[in-house]
Amino acid sequence: MFGLGVPELVLILVIGLVIFGPGKLPGVGKALGQSIREFKSANKEDDEPQNMVNVTEKPKELAENNILEKK
């Protein structure tokens, strides 16, 4: 997981406790988790093909226009 071992994770937790305090740390963790979840879902939506209907209809329209122009 990102090349982080147990000692590094413990250090990050201790720094988080010092900065945010024990009362706010669960809220910060929850907000961070929600942000990561939203980011992943936005990336997943970006990977899906965008409106494939237009991609297949466009060549048909171009072919019909070319046939009509030749007459």
Protein backbone atom coordinates (compact mmCIF):
# COMPACT_ATOMS: atom_id res chain seq x y z
CA MET A 1 0.00 0.00 0.00
CA PHE A 2 2.02 2.96 -1.32
CA GLY A 3 5.21 1.50 0.15
CA LEU A 4 4.12 2.41 3.69
CA GLY A 5 4.94 0.00 6.49
CA VAL A 6 3.63 -0.20 10.02
CA PRO A 7 6.15 2.31 11.46
CA GLU A 8 5.22 4.91 8.84
CA LEU A 9 1.50 4.46 9.46
CA VAL A 10 2.00 4.79 13.23
CA LEU A 11 3.99 8.00 12.67
CA ILE A 12 1.22 9.42 10.49
CA LEU A 13 -1.36 8.52 13.15
CA VAL A 14 0.69 10.21 15.90
CA ILE A 15 1.15 13.35 13.79
CA GLY A 16 -2.61 13.36 13.10
CA LEU A 17 -3.34 13.11 16.82
CA VAL A 18 -1.02 16.01 17.56
CA ILE A 19 -2.44 18.24 14.82
CA PHE A 20 -6.17 17.49 15.08
CA GLY A 21 -6.50 16.08 18.59
CA PRO A 22 -8.28 12.88 19.58
CA GLY A 23 -11.74 14.46 19.39
CA LYS A 24 -11.58 15.60 15.78
CA LEU A 25 -9.55 12.71 14.36
CA PRO A 26 -12.56 10.39 13.66
CA GLY A 27 -14.34 13.20 11.79
CA VAL A 28 -11.23 13.94 9.74
CA GLY A 29 -10.86 10.24 8.89
CA LYS A 30 -14.50 10.02 7.85
CA ALA A 31 -14.22 13.10 5.62
CA LEU A 32 -11.03 11.73 4.07
CA GLY A 33 -12.71 8.39 3.37
CA GLN A 34 -15.70 10.07 1.72
CA SER A 35 -13.41 12.21 -0.41
CA ILE A 36 -11.47 9.17 -1.61
CA ARG A 37 -14.72 7.32 -2.38
CA GLU A 38 -16.08 10.26 -4.42
CA PHE A 39 -12.79 10.59 -6.29
CA LYS A 40 -12.79 6.89 -7.22
CA SER A 41 -16.40 6.99 -8.40
CA ALA A 42 -15.69 10.09 -10.52
CA ASN A 43 -12.71 8.35 -12.12
CA LYS A 44 -14.82 5.25 -12.77
CA GLU A 45 -17.45 7.36 -14.54
CA ASP A 46 -14.75 8.98 -16.69
CA ASP A 47 -13.56 5.58 -17.92
CA GLU A 48 -16.96 4.68 -19.37
CA PRO A 49 -17.46 5.34 -23.12
CA GLN A 50 -19.13 8.63 -23.87
CA ASN A 51 -22.33 8.40 -25.92
CA MET A 52 -21.48 5.57 -28.31
CA VAL A 53 -24.73 6.18 -30.26
CA ASN A 54 -23.29 9.32 -31.85
CA VAL A 55 -20.14 7.48 -32.86
CA THR A 56 -22.12 4.87 -34.81
CA GLU A 57 -24.64 7.29 -36.31
CA LYS A 58 -22.11 9.79 -37.60
CA PRO A 59 -20.59 7.54 -40.32
CA LYS A 60 -24.10 6.65 -41.55
CA GLU A 61 -24.99 10.32 -41.88
CA LEU A 62 -21.76 11.06 -43.71
CA ALA A 63 -22.35 8.20 -46.13
CA GLU A 64 -25.92 9.36 -46.82
CA ASN A 65 -24.72 12.91 -47.44
CA ASN A 66 -22.06 11.71 -49.87
CA ILE A 67 -24.60 9.65 -51.82
CA LEU A 68 -26.99 12.59 -52.01
CA GLU A 69 -24.24 14.98 -53.15
CA LYS A 70 -23.12 12.66 -55.98
CA LYS A 71 -26.58 12.64 -57.60
